[in-house]
Amino acid sequence: MDADLDTLATAFYVAADDLLKAHPERVPYRPRIGISPMISDAEVMTLAVLQAMLGFTSEARWLRHAKENYRGMFPYLPGQTGYNKRLRRLGECMIWFISALNERADVCCDDVWVVDSTPVECARSKDTVRRSDLAGWAEYGYCASHSRWFWGLRLHLVCTLHGLPVGWALTGAKADERQVFLDILAGTPAMNRLQSDGHRQILKGDKNYYGAEFEDTVDQAGIELLRPARKGEKPRPGSRFFKPLRQIIESINDTLNGQLNLEQHGGRTPAGVTACIIQRLMAMTAAIWHNDQTGQAIRRCLTAYDH
């Protein structure tokens, strides 16, 4: 197989169609009696991946582009409202599919994970903040990496060194990163297996992942935490790995922001923002999975798919 967009779309659709047929309990409930959909869930998910890869932040513009260029692959394309509703209903299904696709990649079993959070800006003007449906969830926060304040959410991401998402959460901008990680750890089956099989996993985080109680909990879960020493602390082991591993997680966040337009998600409601973030995580997973299957030297490379 080649590393091009059409081949990726075909391979992704086949994998999605096979897995959804094998696990019908994962797809959204649909009454047996009624109008049958003219486009399958696997096709909608494939459209979502193509949209993210090509950088279309507007669903209406994307569907116009798809009607002109992808009629051969998708005989029927829904309107913008129908596409929007289907994509949001598939949120839980896409979360499960990301994990299922991870397990099919040869690079999924990595002894080192990296964890970090990145801003997901949702508004800038005071008027938009005041009337936004995201008020109460989104909030003002500070991003030290970019030295800026923003109003919105944070994407907390645990992933392998190749960029495959292991666990993630979307929270308010001021959420405690330590507690969010513990919630991800408790709610992610792939991470829960560590304690049962006795495997020790290395986790690289920044200075915010600190505290004796937090580190004890992480250690009991079978994870060895590597982080830089905070001010006043003694030097911590593994310091020679901090800089290169920090560059990796920053590079993964840059892929989400620079190539998959994470902050230009276009979501206006909690369900809409969540679906848009899942869509981008699924697109990055699909690219890494396909690059792995085709033997590409760099797994997390989207250059062949963004045009």
C-alpha atoms as a PDB file:
ATOM      1  CA  MET A   1       0.000   0.000   0.000  1.00  0.00           C
ATOM      2  CA  ASP A   2       1.038   3.599  -0.645  1.00  0.00           C
ATOM      3  CA  ALA A   3       1.039   6.482   1.809  1.00  0.00           C
ATOM      4  CA  ASP A   4      -1.549   8.650   0.057  1.00  0.00           C
ATOM      5  CA  LEU A   5      -4.926   9.969   1.110  1.00  0.00           C
ATOM      6  CA  ASP A   6      -7.100   7.714  -1.064  1.00  0.00           C
ATOM      7  CA  THR A   7      -5.286   4.593   0.130  1.00  0.00           C
ATOM      8  CA  LEU A   8      -5.564   5.722   3.753  1.00  0.00           C
ATOM      9  CA  ALA A   9      -9.299   6.380   3.322  1.00  0.00           C
ATOM     10  CA  THR A  10      -9.864   2.945   1.772  1.00  0.00           C
ATOM     11  CA  ALA A  11      -7.846   1.112   4.428  1.00  0.00           C
ATOM     12  CA  PHE A  12      -9.512   3.070   7.231  1.00  0.00           C
ATOM     13  CA  TYR A  13     -13.006   2.409   5.871  1.00  0.00           C
ATOM     14  CA  VAL A  14     -12.356  -1.340   5.555  1.00  0.00           C
ATOM     15  CA  ALA A  15     -11.020  -1.518   9.126  1.00  0.00           C
ATOM     16  CA  ALA A  16     -13.916   0.552  10.494  1.00  0.00           C
ATOM     17  CA  ASP A  17     -16.558  -1.411   8.579  1.00  0.00           C
ATOM     18  CA  ASP A  18     -15.150  -4.755   9.730  1.00  0.00           C
ATOM     19  CA  LEU A  19     -14.864  -3.724  13.377  1.00  0.00           C
ATOM     20  CA  LEU A  20     -18.310  -2.125  13.546  1.00  0.00           C
ATOM     21  CA  LYS A  21     -19.911  -5.199  11.981  1.00  0.00           C
ATOM     22  CA  ALA A  22     -18.074  -7.399  14.485  1.00  0.00           C
ATOM     23  CA  HIS A  23     -19.161  -5.165  17.390  1.00  0.00           C
ATOM     24  CA  PRO A  24     -22.670  -3.877  16.625  1.00  0.00           C
ATOM     25  CA  GLU A  25     -23.106  -2.963  20.291  1.00  0.00           C
ATOM     26  CA  ARG A  26     -20.650  -0.090  19.775  1.00  0.00           C
ATOM     27  CA  VAL A  27     -22.679   1.778  17.161  1.00  0.00           C
ATOM     28  CA  PRO A  28     -25.424   4.249  18.197  1.00  0.00           C
ATOM     29  CA  TYR A  29     -28.857   2.735  18.731  1.00  0.00           C
ATOM     30  CA  ARG A  30     -31.105   2.852  15.689  1.00  0.00           C
ATOM     31  CA  PRO A  31     -34.723   1.557  15.629  1.00  0.00           C
ATOM     32  CA  ARG A  32     -35.280  -1.439  13.382  1.00  0.00           C
ATOM     33  CA  ILE A  33     -38.430   0.110  11.952  1.00  0.00           C
ATOM     34  CA  GLY A  34     -37.911   3.383  10.106  1.00  0.00           C
ATOM     35  CA  ILE A  35     -35.871   4.957   7.348  1.00  0.00           C
ATOM     36  CA  SER A  36     -32.509   3.241   6.874  1.00  0.00           C
ATOM     37  CA  PRO A  37     -29.535   5.607   6.608  1.00  0.00           C
ATOM     38  CA  MET A  38     -28.096   5.999   3.116  1.00  0.00           C
ATOM     39  CA  ILE A  39     -24.551   6.392   4.443  1.00  0.00           C
ATOM     40  CA  SER A  40     -23.023   3.951   6.927  1.00  0.00           C
ATOM     41  CA  ASP A  41     -21.320   4.813  10.219  1.00  0.00           C
ATOM     42  CA  ALA A  42     -17.982   3.633   8.789  1.00  0.00           C
ATOM     43  CA  GLU A  43     -18.394   6.037   5.861  1.00  0.00           C
ATOM     44  CA  VAL A  44     -19.199   8.953   8.195  1.00  0.00           C
ATOM     45  CA  MET A  45     -16.082   8.196  10.251  1.00  0.00           C
ATOM     46  CA  THR A  46     -13.991   8.027   7.068  1.00  0.00           C
ATOM     47  CA  LEU A  47     -15.377  11.400   5.981  1.00  0.00           C
ATOM     48  CA  ALA A  48     -14.459  12.805   9.401  1.00  0.00           C
ATOM     49  CA  VAL A  49     -10.864  11.604   9.040  1.00  0.00           C
ATOM     50  CA  LEU A  50     -10.556  13.063   5.536  1.00  0.00           C
ATOM     51  CA  GLN A  51     -11.965  16.379   6.730  1.00  0.00           C
ATOM     52  CA  ALA A  52      -9.389  16.627   9.524  1.00  0.00           C
ATOM     53  CA  MET A  53      -6.521  15.547   7.264  1.00  0.00           C
ATOM     54  CA  LEU A  54      -7.345  18.167   4.629  1.00  0.00           C
ATOM     55  CA  GLY A  55      -7.760  20.945   7.182  1.00  0.00           C
ATOM     56  CA  PHE A  56     -11.421  21.802   6.630  1.00  0.00           C
ATOM     57  CA  THR A  57     -12.681  23.442   9.820  1.00  0.00           C
ATOM     58  CA  SER A  58     -16.076  24.214   8.257  1.00  0.00           C
ATOM     59  CA  GLU A  59     -18.326  21.192   7.783  1.00  0.00           C
ATOM     60  CA  ALA A  60     -20.349  22.946   5.059  1.00  0.00           C
ATOM     61  CA  ARG A  61     -17.227  23.742   3.017  1.00  0.00           C
ATOM     62  CA  TRP A  62     -15.924  20.224   3.534  1.00  0.00           C
ATOM     63  CA  LEU A  63     -19.101  18.624   2.227  1.00  0.00           C
ATOM     64  CA  ARG A  64     -19.074  20.878  -0.845  1.00  0.00           C
ATOM     65  CA  HIS A  65     -15.476  19.827  -1.479  1.00  0.00           C
ATOM     66  CA  ALA A  66     -16.330  16.158  -0.925  1.00  0.00           C
ATOM     67  CA  LYS A  67     -19.230  16.322  -3.400  1.00  0.00           C
ATOM     68  CA  GLU A  68     -16.860  17.622  -6.068  1.00  0.00           C
ATOM     69  CA  ASN A  69     -13.919  15.310  -5.368  1.00  0.00           C
ATOM     70  CA  TYR A  70     -15.073  12.166  -3.552  1.00  0.00           C
ATOM     71  CA  ARG A  71     -18.310  11.136  -5.236  1.00  0.00           C
ATOM     72  CA  GLY A  72     -16.643   7.938  -6.414  1.00  0.00           C
ATOM     73  CA  MET A  73     -15.864   6.893  -2.839  1.00  0.00           C
ATOM     74  CA  PHE A  74     -19.100   8.151  -1.280  1.00  0.00           C
ATOM     75  CA  PRO A  75     -22.110   7.738  -3.612  1.00  0.00           C
ATOM     76  CA  TYR A  76     -24.317   9.513  -1.066  1.00  0.00           C
ATOM     77  CA  LEU A  77     -23.224  12.495   1.002  1.00  0.00           C
ATOM     78  CA  PRO A  78     -25.466  13.959   3.722  1.00  0.00           C
ATOM     79  CA  GLY A  79     -26.249  17.618   4.181  1.00  0.00           C
ATOM     80  CA  GLN A  80     -24.377  19.660   6.747  1.00  0.00           C
ATOM     81  CA  THR A  81     -27.045  19.181   9.444  1.00  0.00           C
ATOM     82  CA  GLY A  82     -27.221  15.423   8.933  1.00  0.00           C
ATOM     83  CA  TYR A  83     -23.428  15.069   8.915  1.00  0.00           C
ATOM     84  CA  ASN A  84     -23.171  17.171  12.080  1.00  0.00           C
ATOM     85  CA  LYS A  85     -25.739  15.063  13.947  1.00  0.00           C
ATOM     86  CA  ARG A  86     -24.277  11.741  12.835  1.00  0.00           C
ATOM     87  CA  LEU A  87     -20.757  12.752  13.814  1.00  0.00           C
ATOM     88  CA  ARG A  88     -21.802  13.817  17.301  1.00  0.00           C
ATOM     89  CA  ARG A  89     -23.830  10.659  17.875  1.00  0.00           C
ATOM     90  CA  LEU A  90     -20.752   8.614  16.938  1.00  0.00           C
ATOM     91  CA  GLY A  91     -18.623  10.170  19.703  1.00  0.00           C
ATOM     92  CA  GLU A  92     -18.504   7.124  22.011  1.00  0.00           C
ATOM     93  CA  CYS A  93     -18.085   4.794  19.041  1.00  0.00           C
ATOM     94  CA  MET A  94     -15.086   6.789  17.758  1.00  0.00           C
ATOM     95  CA  ILE A  95     -13.454   6.728  21.205  1.00  0.00           C
ATOM     96  CA  TRP A  96     -13.702   2.941  21.217  1.00  0.00           C
ATOM     97  CA  PHE A  97     -12.497   2.710  17.627  1.00  0.00           C
ATOM     98  CA  ILE A  98      -9.359   4.737  18.402  1.00  0.00           C
ATOM     99  CA  SER A  99      -8.378   2.144  21.021  1.00  0.00           C
ATOM    100  CA  ALA A 100      -9.241  -0.736  18.677  1.00  0.00           C
ATOM    101  CA  LEU A 101      -7.155   0.781  15.890  1.00  0.00           C
ATOM    102  CA  ASN A 102      -4.254   1.323  18.299  1.00  0.00           C
ATOM    103  CA  GLU A 103      -4.137  -2.380  19.064  1.00  0.00           C
ATOM    104  CA  ARG A 104      -3.757  -3.154  15.349  1.00  0.00           C
ATOM    105  CA  ALA A 105      -0.571  -1.068  15.089  1.00  0.00           C
ATOM    106  CA  ASP A 106       2.766  -2.761  15.736  1.00  0.00           C
ATOM    107  CA  VAL A 107       4.011   0.325  17.610  1.00  0.00           C
ATOM    108  CA  CYS A 108       1.204   0.281  20.191  1.00  0.00           C
ATOM    109  CA  CYS A 109       3.255  -1.623  22.776  1.00  0.00           C
ATOM    110  CA  ASP A 110       5.664   1.054  23.939  1.00  0.00           C
ATOM    111  CA  ASP A 111       7.416   0.955  27.305  1.00  0.00           C
ATOM    112  CA  VAL A 112       7.409   4.769  27.495  1.00  0.00           C
ATOM    113  CA  TRP A 113       4.391   7.087  27.599  1.00  0.00           C
ATOM    114  CA  VAL A 114       4.370  10.871  27.616  1.00  0.00           C
ATOM    115  CA  VAL A 115       1.656  13.013  29.216  1.00  0.00           C
ATOM    116  CA  ASP A 116       0.850  16.692  28.827  1.00  0.00           C
ATOM    117  CA  SER A 117      -2.029  19.088  28.315  1.00  0.00           C
ATOM    118  CA  THR A 118      -2.546  21.593  25.522  1.00  0.00           C
ATOM    119  CA  PRO A 119      -4.989  24.532  25.275  1.00  0.00           C
ATOM    120  CA  VAL A 120      -8.202  24.227  23.273  1.00  0.00           C
ATOM    121  CA  GLU A 121      -9.287  27.832  22.831  1.00  0.00           C
ATOM    122  CA  CYS A 122     -13.057  28.289  22.418  1.00  0.00           C
ATOM    123  CA  ALA A 123     -13.612  32.069  22.309  1.00  0.00           C
ATOM    124  CA  ARG A 124     -11.822  35.408  22.516  1.00  0.00           C
ATOM    125  CA  SER A 125     -14.299  38.270  22.730  1.00  0.00           C
ATOM    126  CA  LYS A 126     -16.121  38.993  25.987  1.00  0.00           C
ATOM    127  CA  ASP A 127     -19.489  38.900  24.229  1.00  0.00           C
ATOM    128  CA  THR A 128     -18.816  35.409  22.856  1.00  0.00           C
ATOM    129  CA  VAL A 129     -17.669  34.178  26.262  1.00  0.00           C
ATOM    130  CA  ARG A 130     -20.781  35.590  27.919  1.00  0.00           C
ATOM    131  CA  ARG A 131     -23.293  33.922  25.613  1.00  0.00           C
ATOM    132  CA  SER A 132     -21.380  30.710  24.831  1.00  0.00           C
ATOM    133  CA  ASP A 133     -23.010  27.354  25.576  1.00  0.00           C
ATOM    134  CA  LEU A 134     -19.599  26.268  26.893  1.00  0.00           C
ATOM    135  CA  ALA A 135     -19.767  28.675  29.849  1.00  0.00           C
ATOM    136  CA  GLY A 136     -19.400  26.744  33.086  1.00  0.00           C
ATOM    137  CA  TRP A 137     -17.113  24.177  31.461  1.00  0.00           C
ATOM    138  CA  ALA A 138     -14.721  26.387  29.536  1.00  0.00           C
ATOM    139  CA  GLU A 139     -12.836  28.929  31.637  1.00  0.00           C
ATOM    140  CA  TYR A 140      -9.873  31.277  31.580  1.00  0.00           C
ATOM    141  CA  GLY A 141      -6.471  29.635  31.920  1.00  0.00           C
ATOM    142  CA  TYR A 142      -2.804  30.325  31.293  1.00  0.00           C
ATOM    143  CA  CYS A 143      -0.585  28.435  28.859  1.00  0.00           C
ATOM    144  CA  ALA A 144       3.031  28.636  30.021  1.00  0.00           C
ATOM    145  CA  SER A 145       4.374  27.074  26.805  1.00  0.00           C
ATOM    146  CA  HIS A 146       2.962  29.929  24.702  1.00  0.00           C
ATOM    147  CA  SER A 147       2.976  32.603  27.450  1.00  0.00           C
ATOM    148  CA  ARG A 148      -0.660  33.532  26.899  1.00  0.00           C
ATOM    149  CA  TRP A 149      -4.044  33.551  28.570  1.00  0.00           C
ATOM    150  CA  PHE A 150      -6.977  31.874  26.837  1.00  0.00           C
ATOM    151  CA  TRP A 151     -10.635  31.055  27.395  1.00  0.00           C
ATOM    152  CA  GLY A 152     -11.528  27.466  26.731  1.00  0.00           C
ATOM    153  CA  LEU A 153     -10.572  23.912  27.640  1.00  0.00           C
ATOM    154  CA  ARG A 154      -7.518  21.707  27.951  1.00  0.00           C
ATOM    155  CA  LEU A 155      -6.849  18.449  26.160  1.00  0.00           C
ATOM    156  CA  HIS A 156      -4.958  16.125  28.516  1.00  0.00           C
ATOM    157  CA  LEU A 157      -3.249  13.461  26.434  1.00  0.00           C
ATOM    158  CA  VAL A 158      -1.331  10.300  27.340  1.00  0.00           C
ATOM    159  CA  CYS A 159       0.309   8.775  24.288  1.00  0.00           C
ATOM    160  CA  THR A 160       3.158   6.597  23.065  1.00  0.00           C
ATOM    161  CA  LEU A 161       6.377   8.015  21.687  1.00  0.00           C
ATOM    162  CA  HIS A 162       4.975   7.533  18.173  1.00  0.00           C
ATOM    163  CA  GLY A 163       1.939   9.637  19.090  1.00  0.00           C
ATOM    164  CA  LEU A 164      -0.719   6.935  19.466  1.00  0.00           C
ATOM    165  CA  PRO A 165      -3.296   8.164  22.034  1.00  0.00           C
ATOM    166  CA  VAL A 166      -3.462   5.830  25.046  1.00  0.00           C
ATOM    167  CA  GLY A 167      -5.844   7.929  27.140  1.00  0.00           C
ATOM    168  CA  TRP A 168      -7.195  11.462  27.068  1.00  0.00           C
ATOM    169  CA  ALA A 169      -9.589  13.871  28.742  1.00  0.00           C
ATOM    170  CA  LEU A 170     -11.106  17.256  27.935  1.00  0.00           C
ATOM    171  CA  THR A 171     -11.440  19.550  30.947  1.00  0.00           C
ATOM    172  CA  GLY A 172     -11.695  23.166  31.970  1.00  0.00           C
ATOM    173  CA  ALA A 173      -8.551  25.252  31.563  1.00  0.00           C
ATOM    174  CA  LYS A 174      -7.797  25.288  35.321  1.00  0.00           C
ATOM    175  CA  ALA A 175      -8.214  21.577  36.041  1.00  0.00           C
ATOM    176  CA  ASP A 176      -5.521  19.922  38.170  1.00  0.00           C
ATOM    177  CA  GLU A 177      -3.381  17.898  35.757  1.00  0.00           C
ATOM    178  CA  ARG A 178      -2.582  15.308  38.434  1.00  0.00           C
ATOM    179  CA  GLN A 179      -6.210  14.547  39.227  1.00  0.00           C
ATOM    180  CA  VAL A 180      -7.096  14.463  35.537  1.00  0.00           C
ATOM    181  CA  PHE A 181      -4.333  11.922  34.912  1.00  0.00           C
ATOM    182  CA  LEU A 182      -5.593   9.736  37.756  1.00  0.00           C
ATOM    183  CA  ASP A 183      -9.090   9.912  36.250  1.00  0.00           C
ATOM    184  CA  ILE A 184      -7.690   8.893  32.851  1.00  0.00           C
ATOM    185  CA  LEU A 185      -5.765   6.064  34.495  1.00  0.00           C
ATOM    186  CA  ALA A 186      -8.890   4.778  36.270  1.00  0.00           C
ATOM    187  CA  GLY A 187     -11.122   5.069  33.212  1.00  0.00           C
ATOM    188  CA  THR A 188      -8.853   3.646  30.504  1.00  0.00           C
ATOM    189  CA  PRO A 189      -8.871  -0.185  30.245  1.00  0.00           C
ATOM    190  CA  ALA A 190      -5.526  -0.289  28.402  1.00  0.00           C
ATOM    191  CA  MET A 191      -3.855   1.542  31.298  1.00  0.00           C
ATOM    192  CA  ASN A 192      -5.597  -0.520  33.970  1.00  0.00           C
ATOM    193  CA  ARG A 193      -4.035  -3.738  32.684  1.00  0.00           C
ATOM    194  CA  LEU A 194      -0.603  -2.683  33.957  1.00  0.00           C
ATOM    195  CA  GLN A 195      -1.316  -3.518  37.579  1.00  0.00           C
ATOM    196  CA  SER A 196      -2.757  -6.941  36.767  1.00  0.00           C
ATOM    197  CA  ASP A 197       0.033  -8.178  34.481  1.00  0.00           C
ATOM    198  CA  GLY A 198       2.927  -6.810  36.572  1.00  0.00           C
ATOM    199  CA  HIS A 199       4.326  -4.725  33.712  1.00  0.00           C
ATOM    200  CA  ARG A 200       6.172  -1.516  34.651  1.00  0.00           C
ATOM    201  CA  GLN A 201       5.508   1.452  32.381  1.00  0.00           C
ATOM    202  CA  ILE A 202       7.635   4.608  32.202  1.00  0.00           C
ATOM    203  CA  LEU A 203       5.697   7.885  32.133  1.00  0.00           C
ATOM    204  CA  LYS A 204       7.305  11.238  31.314  1.00  0.00           C
ATOM    205  CA  GLY A 205       5.523  14.346  32.567  1.00  0.00           C
ATOM    206  CA  ASP A 206       6.418  17.934  33.420  1.00  0.00           C
ATOM    207  CA  LYS A 207       6.847  19.563  36.823  1.00  0.00           C
ATOM    208  CA  ASN A 208       3.095  19.785  37.425  1.00  0.00           C
ATOM    209  CA  TYR A 209       2.862  16.022  37.997  1.00  0.00           C
ATOM    210  CA  TYR A 210       4.237  16.067  41.536  1.00  0.00           C
ATOM    211  CA  GLY A 211       3.305  15.167  45.108  1.00  0.00           C
ATOM    212  CA  ALA A 212       4.046  12.184  47.341  1.00  0.00           C
ATOM    213  CA  GLU A 213       0.442  10.931  47.359  1.00  0.00           C
ATOM    214  CA  PHE A 214       0.124  11.306  43.589  1.00  0.00           C
ATOM    215  CA  GLU A 215       3.406   9.517  42.915  1.00  0.00           C
ATOM    216  CA  ASP A 216       2.501   6.685  45.304  1.00  0.00           C
ATOM    217  CA  THR A 217      -0.800   6.151  43.475  1.00  0.00           C
ATOM    218  CA  VAL A 218       0.953   6.148  40.113  1.00  0.00           C
ATOM    219  CA  ASP A 219       3.617   3.739  41.380  1.00  0.00           C
ATOM    220  CA  GLN A 220       0.997   1.312  42.704  1.00  0.00           C
ATOM    221  CA  ALA A 221      -0.587   1.325  39.246  1.00  0.00           C
ATOM    222  CA  GLY A 222       2.655  -0.031  37.758  1.00  0.00           C
ATOM    223  CA  ILE A 223       3.957   3.273  36.385  1.00  0.00           C
ATOM    224  CA  GLU A 224       7.396   4.770  36.961  1.00  0.00           C
ATOM    225  CA  LEU A 225       7.101   8.547  36.795  1.00  0.00           C
ATOM    226  CA  LEU A 226       9.894  10.652  35.301  1.00  0.00           C
ATOM    227  CA  ARG A 227       9.641  14.400  35.801  1.00  0.00           C
ATOM    228  CA  PRO A 228      12.035  17.304  36.322  1.00  0.00           C
ATOM    229  CA  ALA A 229      12.808  18.309  39.890  1.00  0.00           C
ATOM    230  CA  ARG A 230      10.845  21.263  41.226  1.00  0.00           C
ATOM    231  CA  LYS A 231      12.517  24.189  42.936  1.00  0.00           C
ATOM    232  CA  GLY A 232      14.030  23.041  46.237  1.00  0.00           C
ATOM    233  CA  GLU A 233      13.903  19.329  45.345  1.00  0.00           C
ATOM    234  CA  LYS A 234      16.873  17.044  44.962  1.00  0.00           C
ATOM    235  CA  PRO A 235      17.850  15.997  41.421  1.00  0.00           C
ATOM    236  CA  ARG A 236      15.594  13.194  40.199  1.00  0.00           C
ATOM    237  CA  PRO A 237      16.666  10.075  38.277  1.00  0.00           C
ATOM    238  CA  GLY A 238      16.395   9.963  34.488  1.00  0.00           C
ATOM    239  CA  SER A 239      17.184  13.656  33.981  1.00  0.00           C
ATOM    240  CA  ARG A 240      19.069  12.911  30.729  1.00  0.00           C
ATOM    241  CA  PHE A 241      15.794  11.797  29.135  1.00  0.00           C
ATOM    242  CA  PHE A 242      13.747  14.869  30.092  1.00  0.00           C
ATOM    243  CA  LYS A 243      14.701  17.166  27.222  1.00  0.00           C
ATOM    244  CA  PRO A 244      14.260  14.718  24.289  1.00  0.00           C
ATOM    245  CA  LEU A 245      11.023  13.293  25.733  1.00  0.00           C
ATOM    246  CA  ARG A 246       9.689  16.807  26.338  1.00  0.00           C
ATOM    247  CA  GLN A 247      10.364  17.632  22.696  1.00  0.00           C
ATOM    248  CA  ILE A 248       8.358  14.567  21.645  1.00  0.00           C
ATOM    249  CA  ILE A 249       5.166  15.558  23.488  1.00  0.00           C
ATOM    250  CA  GLU A 250       5.522  19.133  22.228  1.00  0.00           C
ATOM    251  CA  SER A 251       5.861  17.752  18.702  1.00  0.00           C
ATOM    252  CA  ILE A 252       2.705  15.646  19.141  1.00  0.00           C
ATOM    253  CA  ASN A 253       0.781  18.695  20.357  1.00  0.00           C
ATOM    254  CA  ASP A 254       2.133  20.640  17.381  1.00  0.00           C
ATOM    255  CA  THR A 255       0.801  17.950  15.028  1.00  0.00           C
ATOM    256  CA  LEU A 256      -2.654  18.332  16.565  1.00  0.00           C
ATOM    257  CA  ASN A 257      -2.544  22.120  16.448  1.00  0.00           C
ATOM    258  CA  GLY A 258      -0.514  22.820  13.315  1.00  0.00           C
ATOM    259  CA  GLN A 259      -1.721  20.062  10.987  1.00  0.00           C
ATOM    260  CA  LEU A 260      -5.087  19.000  12.401  1.00  0.00           C
ATOM    261  CA  ASN A 261      -6.297  22.468  13.514  1.00  0.00           C
ATOM    262  CA  LEU A 262      -7.088  21.487  17.081  1.00  0.00           C
ATOM    263  CA  GLU A 263      -7.833  25.035  18.234  1.00  0.00           C
ATOM    264  CA  GLN A 264      -9.849  25.836  15.085  1.00  0.00           C
ATOM    265  CA  HIS A 265     -12.281  23.046  15.929  1.00  0.00           C
ATOM    266  CA  GLY A 266     -15.425  25.100  15.316  1.00  0.00           C
ATOM    267  CA  GLY A 267     -17.415  23.481  18.144  1.00  0.00           C
ATOM    268  CA  ARG A 268     -19.996  25.663  19.865  1.00  0.00           C
ATOM    269  CA  THR A 269     -21.558  23.221  22.346  1.00  0.00           C
ATOM    270  CA  PRO A 270     -20.019  20.657  24.740  1.00  0.00           C
ATOM    271  CA  ALA A 271     -21.094  17.801  22.456  1.00  0.00           C
ATOM    272  CA  GLY A 272     -19.805  19.623  19.386  1.00  0.00           C
ATOM    273  CA  VAL A 273     -16.381  20.425  20.839  1.00  0.00           C
ATOM    274  CA  THR A 274     -15.983  16.875  22.151  1.00  0.00           C
ATOM    275  CA  ALA A 275     -16.834  15.365  18.761  1.00  0.00           C
ATOM    276  CA  CYS A 276     -14.380  17.691  16.992  1.00  0.00           C
ATOM    277  CA  ILE A 277     -11.547  16.763  19.375  1.00  0.00           C
ATOM    278  CA  ILE A 278     -12.276  13.037  19.002  1.00  0.00           C
ATOM    279  CA  GLN A 279     -12.301  13.519  15.221  1.00  0.00           C
ATOM    280  CA  ARG A 280      -8.764  14.933  15.283  1.00  0.00           C
ATOM    281  CA  LEU A 281      -7.451  12.248  17.626  1.00  0.00           C
ATOM    282  CA  MET A 282      -8.951   9.616  15.326  1.00  0.00           C
ATOM    283  CA  ALA A 283      -7.329  11.235  12.281  1.00  0.00           C
ATOM    284  CA  MET A 284      -3.891  11.239  13.941  1.00  0.00           C
ATOM    285  CA  THR A 285      -4.375   7.626  15.044  1.00  0.00           C
ATOM    286  CA  ALA A 286      -5.415   6.629  11.513  1.00  0.00           C
ATOM    287  CA  ALA A 287      -2.316   8.240   9.996  1.00  0.00           C
ATOM    288  CA  ILE A 288       0.050   6.564  12.486  1.00  0.00           C
ATOM    289  CA  TRP A 289      -1.694   3.204  12.019  1.00  0.00           C
ATOM    290  CA  HIS A 290      -1.554   3.450   8.217  1.00  0.00           C
ATOM    291  CA  ASN A 291       2.092   4.600   8.203  1.00  0.00           C
ATOM    292  CA  ASP A 292       2.919   1.653  10.425  1.00  0.00           C
ATOM    293  CA  GLN A 293       1.097  -0.774   8.123  1.00  0.00           C
ATOM    294  CA  THR A 294       2.832   0.616   5.026  1.00  0.00           C
ATOM    295  CA  GLY A 295       6.302   0.608   6.612  1.00  0.00           C
ATOM    296  CA  GLN A 296       6.885   4.376   6.598  1.00  0.00           C
ATOM    297  CA  ALA A 297      10.032   5.519   8.387  1.00  0.00           C
ATOM    298  CA  ILE A 298       8.233   8.249  10.363  1.00  0.00           C
ATOM    299  CA  ARG A 299       4.956   7.006  11.818  1.00  0.00           C
ATOM    300  CA  ARG A 300       3.498  10.369  12.822  1.00  0.00           C
ATOM    301  CA  CYS A 301       3.860  12.063   9.457  1.00  0.00           C
ATOM    302  CA  LEU A 302       0.774  13.619   7.843  1.00  0.00           C
ATOM    303  CA  THR A 303       2.500  15.331   4.918  1.00  0.00           C
ATOM    304  CA  ALA A 304       1.340  12.738   2.390  1.00  0.00           C
ATOM    305  CA  TYR A 305      -2.283  13.152   3.464  1.00  0.00           C
ATOM    306  CA  ASP A 306      -2.815  16.929   3.786  1.00  0.00           C
ATOM    307  CA  HIS A 307      -3.228  17.755   0.087  1.00  0.00           C
END
